[in-house]
Amino acid sequence: MVEESVSTATRRVTKLLAQAGVETPERDARLLIAAAIGGTPADLIVRPERLFAISEGAKLQAFVTRRTQREPVSRILGEREFYGRPFAITPATLDPRPCSETLISAVLDIVDEGGGRDRRLRLIDVGTGSGCLAITLVSELPNATILATDVSAEALETAEQNARANGVADRITFAQRRTLQDVGGPFDIVISNPPYIPAADIVGLADEVKKFDPRGALDGGSDGLDIYREIAAGLAAVVAPGGWAVLEVGAGQARDVEQILRSATPQSSIAHCRTWLDLGGHTRCVAMETQL
């Protein structure tokens, strides 16, 4: 086996990934090479002449094979950073997206405007997946507690692992539930990033999504809005007066989701609705406040 330096490997792997149609071949090459040698991407710059050990080369080859088959880097490495924190991901969990950080920003805006982050709050995260939303929020809100639910027992195991790794397991309760069924309130804030892809559109998604994210975390029914209807139907029973429901939505869905929330909630109970944009300029969150 010919010895190879990290700089040579970077050029070679970048070319292979580009030929396979990977959108960010150089970035992905650096991440995979860094993981193969047990270092960081910065190490590739500091020591470009570093040679691979035989075991490291074999590990890199396995990584590259998986990436050329369009498996996301985060799934190959088993981890995704979200809001500056590491989260383990598994086949049972959605791979957290940067756009979902908009939901975190929305909740923190609401809390800051309503009295600050030190007050006691009770939240629920519907469909927690990896737990990235629930764990981030209790990390940012020192006196908050969260009930994190999911239909998948495997996803809940991953979320509990992430809560322990991030040091907040004592303020999160995990329960296997569907939407708001068999959930006792009241909650100050209900959050959710539900499945919102129309079923017929899934076949057209990137391979990284349709082949590796669990279908149950993507499929929102014929129009993508089924789970919003389920959540909306249960909100009146679990949201505290003056509380909020904060939901992530897909592109172009904000108006429909707002209408679903309004239709399912007595008008006398609604204070107002708000929306937040993601960094791409798309409306990514719809929130409804209930009357005090």
Protein backbone atom coordinates (compact mmCIF):
# COMPACT_ATOMS: atom_id res chain seq x y z
CA MET A 1 0.00 0.00 0.00
CA VAL A 2 1.43 3.38 -1.04
CA GLU A 3 1.83 5.84 1.82
CA GLU A 4 -0.36 8.92 1.45
CA SER A 5 -0.19 12.32 3.13
CA VAL A 6 -3.27 14.16 4.31
CA SER A 7 -2.77 16.85 1.64
CA THR A 8 -2.67 14.25 -1.11
CA ALA A 9 -5.66 12.46 0.39
CA THR A 10 -7.60 15.71 0.52
CA ARG A 11 -7.14 16.28 -3.22
CA ARG A 12 -7.92 12.67 -4.07
CA VAL A 13 -11.03 12.39 -1.91
CA THR A 14 -12.32 15.78 -3.02
CA LYS A 15 -12.13 14.63 -6.63
CA LEU A 16 -13.89 11.35 -5.86
CA LEU A 17 -16.70 13.07 -4.01
CA ALA A 18 -17.15 15.67 -6.74
CA GLN A 19 -17.41 12.91 -9.35
CA ALA A 20 -20.10 11.27 -7.19
CA GLY A 21 -22.16 14.46 -7.24
CA VAL A 22 -21.56 15.53 -3.65
CA GLU A 23 -22.36 19.25 -3.32
CA THR A 24 -19.53 20.15 -0.90
CA PRO A 25 -16.72 17.75 -1.85
CA GLU A 26 -13.75 19.60 -0.33
CA ARG A 27 -15.49 20.32 2.96
CA ASP A 28 -16.69 16.74 3.26
CA ALA A 29 -13.26 15.38 2.34
CA ARG A 30 -11.63 17.38 5.13
CA LEU A 31 -14.21 16.26 7.70
CA LEU A 32 -13.84 12.60 6.76
CA ILE A 33 -10.06 12.72 6.68
CA ALA A 34 -9.94 14.48 10.06
CA ALA A 35 -12.21 11.81 11.54
CA ALA A 36 -10.15 9.01 10.04
CA ILE A 37 -6.96 10.26 11.71
CA GLY A 38 -8.73 11.15 14.96
CA GLY A 39 -8.10 14.86 14.59
CA THR A 40 -9.78 18.06 13.43
CA PRO A 41 -9.88 19.79 10.03
CA ALA A 42 -7.36 22.27 11.43
CA ASP A 43 -4.85 19.43 11.79
CA LEU A 44 -4.89 18.97 8.02
CA ILE A 45 -3.69 22.55 7.60
CA VAL A 46 -1.10 22.43 10.37
CA ARG A 47 0.43 19.11 9.24
CA PRO A 48 -0.36 18.58 5.55
CA GLU A 49 2.59 16.19 5.23
CA ARG A 50 1.27 13.81 7.91
CA LEU A 51 1.10 10.24 6.60
CA PHE A 52 -1.77 7.85 7.16
CA ALA A 53 -1.31 4.73 9.24
CA ILE A 54 -2.66 1.58 7.56
CA SER A 55 -5.68 1.46 9.90
CA GLU A 56 -6.41 5.14 9.25
CA GLY A 57 -6.29 4.64 5.51
CA ALA A 58 -8.72 1.74 5.75
CA LYS A 59 -11.07 3.81 7.86
CA LEU A 60 -10.94 6.68 5.37
CA GLN A 61 -11.69 4.35 2.48
CA ALA A 62 -14.77 3.05 4.27
CA PHE A 63 -15.90 6.62 4.96
CA VAL A 64 -15.41 7.66 1.33
CA THR A 65 -17.31 4.65 0.03
CA ARG A 66 -20.27 5.54 2.22
CA ARG A 67 -20.19 9.21 1.20
CA THR A 68 -20.03 8.41 -2.52
CA GLN A 69 -23.22 6.44 -1.91
CA ARG A 70 -24.64 9.76 -0.64
CA GLU A 71 -24.75 8.94 3.04
CA PRO A 72 -24.40 12.29 4.87
CA VAL A 73 -21.16 13.02 6.69
CA SER A 74 -23.08 13.50 9.92
CA ARG A 75 -24.48 9.98 9.68
CA ILE A 76 -21.09 8.50 8.80
CA LEU A 77 -19.60 10.16 11.87
CA GLY A 78 -22.72 9.62 13.98
CA GLU A 79 -22.89 13.20 15.17
CA ARG A 80 -24.28 16.59 14.17
CA GLU A 81 -23.61 19.98 15.76
CA PHE A 82 -26.75 21.98 16.55
CA TYR A 83 -26.75 25.42 18.17
CA GLY A 84 -23.11 24.89 19.12
CA ARG A 85 -23.65 21.55 20.85
CA PRO A 86 -22.89 17.98 19.71
CA PHE A 87 -25.75 15.55 19.15
CA ALA A 88 -25.52 11.86 18.38
CA ILE A 89 -27.80 10.80 15.54
CA THR A 90 -28.97 7.32 14.61
CA PRO A 91 -31.08 5.73 11.86
CA ALA A 92 -34.12 6.38 14.09
CA THR A 93 -33.62 10.15 14.23
CA LEU A 94 -33.86 13.02 11.79
CA ASP A 95 -30.52 14.65 11.01
CA PRO A 96 -30.91 18.12 12.62
CA ARG A 97 -30.88 20.97 10.10
CA PRO A 98 -29.47 24.47 10.66
CA CYS A 99 -32.84 25.95 9.71
CA SER A 100 -34.34 24.35 12.83
CA GLU A 101 -32.24 26.72 14.92
CA THR A 102 -34.85 29.32 13.89
CA LEU A 103 -37.27 27.60 16.26
CA ILE A 104 -34.79 28.01 19.10
CA SER A 105 -34.42 31.71 18.28
CA ALA A 106 -38.20 32.11 18.20
CA VAL A 107 -38.67 30.53 21.63
CA LEU A 108 -35.86 32.57 23.15
CA ASP A 109 -37.33 35.76 21.68
CA ILE A 110 -40.69 34.91 23.24
CA VAL A 111 -39.13 34.14 26.62
CA ASP A 112 -36.95 37.27 26.60
CA GLU A 113 -39.96 39.44 25.75
CA GLY A 114 -42.09 37.77 28.42
CA GLY A 115 -39.92 38.23 31.46
CA GLY A 116 -36.52 36.69 30.84
CA ARG A 117 -34.78 33.37 30.80
CA ASP A 118 -34.51 32.86 34.54
CA ARG A 119 -38.23 32.31 35.16
CA ARG A 120 -39.67 28.87 35.65
CA LEU A 121 -41.15 27.41 32.49
CA ARG A 122 -42.69 24.09 31.52
CA LEU A 123 -42.31 23.09 27.89
CA ILE A 124 -43.12 20.12 25.69
CA ASP A 125 -41.23 19.08 22.56
CA VAL A 126 -43.50 17.00 20.32
CA GLY A 127 -41.55 14.56 18.16
CA THR A 128 -38.19 15.15 19.81
CA GLY A 129 -36.07 12.87 17.58
CA SER A 130 -32.45 13.38 18.60
CA GLY A 131 -33.60 15.75 21.34
CA CYS A 132 -31.74 18.68 19.80
CA LEU A 133 -34.57 21.18 20.39
CA ALA A 134 -35.45 20.12 23.92
CA ILE A 135 -31.83 19.84 25.04
CA THR A 136 -30.87 23.18 23.52
CA LEU A 137 -33.77 24.96 25.17
CA VAL A 138 -33.18 23.62 28.68
CA SER A 139 -29.51 24.47 28.21
CA GLU A 140 -30.45 28.07 27.36
CA LEU A 141 -33.25 28.35 29.96
CA PRO A 142 -31.79 27.46 33.36
CA ASN A 143 -35.12 27.06 35.19
CA ALA A 144 -37.06 25.32 32.44
CA THR A 145 -38.20 21.71 32.37
CA ILE A 146 -39.31 19.87 29.24
CA LEU A 147 -41.39 16.84 28.41
CA ALA A 148 -39.89 15.37 25.21
CA THR A 149 -42.10 12.92 23.33
CA ASP A 150 -41.73 10.74 20.26
CA VAL A 151 -43.52 7.78 18.72
CA SER A 152 -40.18 5.99 18.30
CA ALA A 153 -38.66 4.23 21.29
CA GLU A 154 -35.33 4.12 19.46
CA ALA A 155 -35.36 7.88 18.92
CA LEU A 156 -36.12 8.45 22.59
CA GLU A 157 -33.11 6.31 23.56
CA THR A 158 -30.90 8.52 21.40
CA ALA A 159 -32.43 11.69 22.85
CA GLU A 160 -31.83 10.46 26.41
CA GLN A 161 -28.22 9.70 25.51
CA ASN A 162 -27.82 13.23 24.16
CA ALA A 163 -29.42 14.75 27.26
CA ARG A 164 -26.92 12.93 29.48
CA ALA A 165 -24.00 13.94 27.26
CA ASN A 166 -25.07 17.58 27.43
CA GLY A 167 -25.64 17.52 31.19
CA VAL A 168 -29.36 18.33 31.24
CA ALA A 169 -31.00 14.91 31.72
CA ASP A 170 -32.33 15.94 35.14
CA ARG A 171 -34.64 18.55 33.57
CA ILE A 172 -36.05 16.50 30.68
CA THR A 173 -38.69 13.79 30.92
CA PHE A 174 -38.98 11.44 27.95
CA ALA A 175 -42.20 9.68 26.99
CA GLN A 176 -43.38 7.61 24.04
CA ARG A 177 -46.43 9.49 22.76
CA ARG A 178 -48.03 10.52 19.48
CA THR A 179 -48.50 14.30 19.12
CA LEU A 180 -50.39 15.50 22.22
CA GLN A 181 -52.28 12.30 22.94
CA ASP A 182 -52.26 11.28 26.61
CA VAL A 183 -50.26 14.34 27.58
CA GLY A 184 -51.13 16.35 30.67
CA GLY A 185 -50.61 20.11 30.68
CA PRO A 186 -50.52 22.92 31.21
CA PHE A 187 -47.39 23.91 29.30
CA ASP A 188 -46.05 27.41 28.89
CA ILE A 189 -44.64 26.58 25.46
CA VAL A 190 -45.36 23.74 23.04
CA ILE A 191 -42.70 23.24 20.37
CA SER A 192 -42.48 20.86 17.46
CA ASN A 193 -40.61 20.22 14.26
CA PRO A 194 -43.12 17.74 12.81
CA PRO A 195 -42.90 15.79 9.55
CA TYR A 196 -44.01 18.26 6.87
CA ILE A 197 -42.98 16.87 3.48
CA PRO A 198 -45.96 15.91 1.27
CA ALA A 199 -45.76 12.15 0.77
CA ALA A 200 -45.56 12.38 -3.02
CA ASP A 201 -42.61 14.81 -2.81
CA ILE A 202 -40.33 12.51 -0.85
CA VAL A 203 -39.16 10.66 -3.97
CA GLY A 204 -37.76 13.94 -5.30
CA LEU A 205 -35.68 14.76 -2.23
CA ALA A 206 -31.89 14.55 -2.23
CA ASP A 207 -30.54 11.05 -1.68
CA GLU A 208 -28.96 12.23 1.58
CA VAL A 209 -32.48 12.87 2.88
CA LYS A 210 -34.78 10.27 1.35
CA LYS A 211 -32.36 7.36 1.79
CA PHE A 212 -31.10 8.10 5.28
CA ASP A 213 -33.63 10.14 7.27
CA PRO A 214 -36.42 7.99 8.74
CA ARG A 215 -39.51 8.31 6.56
CA GLY A 216 -41.67 8.84 9.62
CA ALA A 217 -39.76 12.04 10.35
CA LEU A 218 -40.38 13.34 6.82
CA ASP A 219 -43.83 12.20 5.69
CA GLY A 220 -46.50 14.73 6.58
CA GLY A 221 -49.28 13.07 4.61
CA SER A 222 -50.78 14.04 1.28
CA ASP A 223 -50.36 17.79 1.78
CA GLY A 224 -47.61 17.70 4.40
CA LEU A 225 -49.90 19.09 7.11
CA ASP A 226 -51.35 16.02 8.84
CA ILE A 227 -49.30 16.29 12.03
CA TYR A 228 -50.02 20.01 12.36
CA ARG A 229 -53.73 19.14 12.42
CA GLU A 230 -53.14 16.55 15.13
CA ILE A 231 -51.12 18.96 17.24
CA ALA A 232 -53.60 21.81 16.75
CA ALA A 233 -56.49 19.61 17.86
CA GLY A 234 -54.85 19.07 21.24
CA LEU A 235 -53.45 22.52 21.95
CA ALA A 236 -56.45 24.01 23.75
CA ALA A 237 -56.23 21.29 26.39
CA VAL A 238 -52.52 21.62 27.16
CA VAL A 239 -51.38 25.23 26.56
CA ALA A 240 -51.49 27.46 29.62
CA PRO A 241 -53.23 30.85 29.40
CA GLY A 242 -50.70 33.25 27.92
CA GLY A 243 -48.75 30.27 26.59
CA TRP A 244 -47.40 29.61 23.14
CA ALA A 245 -47.29 26.97 20.44
CA VAL A 246 -44.15 27.33 18.28
CA LEU A 247 -43.95 25.13 15.19
CA GLU A 248 -41.37 24.72 12.47
CA VAL A 249 -42.90 24.76 8.97
CA GLY A 250 -41.76 23.92 5.47
CA ALA A 251 -41.33 26.47 2.69
CA GLY A 252 -44.68 27.94 1.69
CA GLN A 253 -46.62 26.32 4.54
CA ALA A 254 -46.80 29.17 7.05
CA ARG A 255 -50.18 30.56 5.99
CA ASP A 256 -51.79 27.10 5.96
CA VAL A 257 -50.34 26.18 9.36
CA GLU A 258 -51.54 29.45 10.87
CA GLN A 259 -55.01 28.75 9.52
CA ILE A 260 -54.94 25.24 10.99
CA LEU A 261 -54.02 26.68 14.40
CA ARG A 262 -56.74 29.32 14.22
CA SER A 263 -59.41 26.87 13.06
CA ALA A 264 -58.68 24.39 15.84
CA THR A 265 -58.55 26.98 18.64
CA PRO A 266 -61.48 29.07 19.92
CA GLN A 267 -60.97 32.58 18.58
CA SER A 268 -61.54 34.00 22.04
CA SER A 269 -58.48 32.04 23.21
CA ILE A 270 -56.05 33.38 20.59
CA ALA A 271 -54.03 36.47 21.40
CA HIS A 272 -52.11 36.59 18.12
CA CYS A 273 -49.86 34.69 15.73
CA ARG A 274 -46.28 35.45 14.73
CA THR A 275 -43.75 34.15 12.25
CA TRP A 276 -39.94 33.97 12.09
CA LEU A 277 -37.67 33.79 9.04
CA ASP A 278 -34.68 31.47 8.71
CA LEU A 279 -31.31 32.66 7.41
CA GLY A 280 -32.42 31.87 3.87
CA GLY A 281 -35.31 34.30 4.15
CA HIS A 282 -38.00 31.58 4.31
CA THR A 283 -40.74 31.67 6.92
CA ARG A 284 -39.61 28.81 9.14
CA CYS A 285 -41.64 29.18 12.34
CA VAL A 286 -45.27 29.90 13.08
CA ALA A 287 -46.22 30.69 16.67
CA MET A 288 -49.59 31.26 18.35
CA GLU A 289 -50.10 32.86 21.76
CA THR A 290 -53.16 32.14 23.87
CA GLN A 291 -55.04 34.78 25.83
CA LEU A 292 -54.31 35.26 29.52
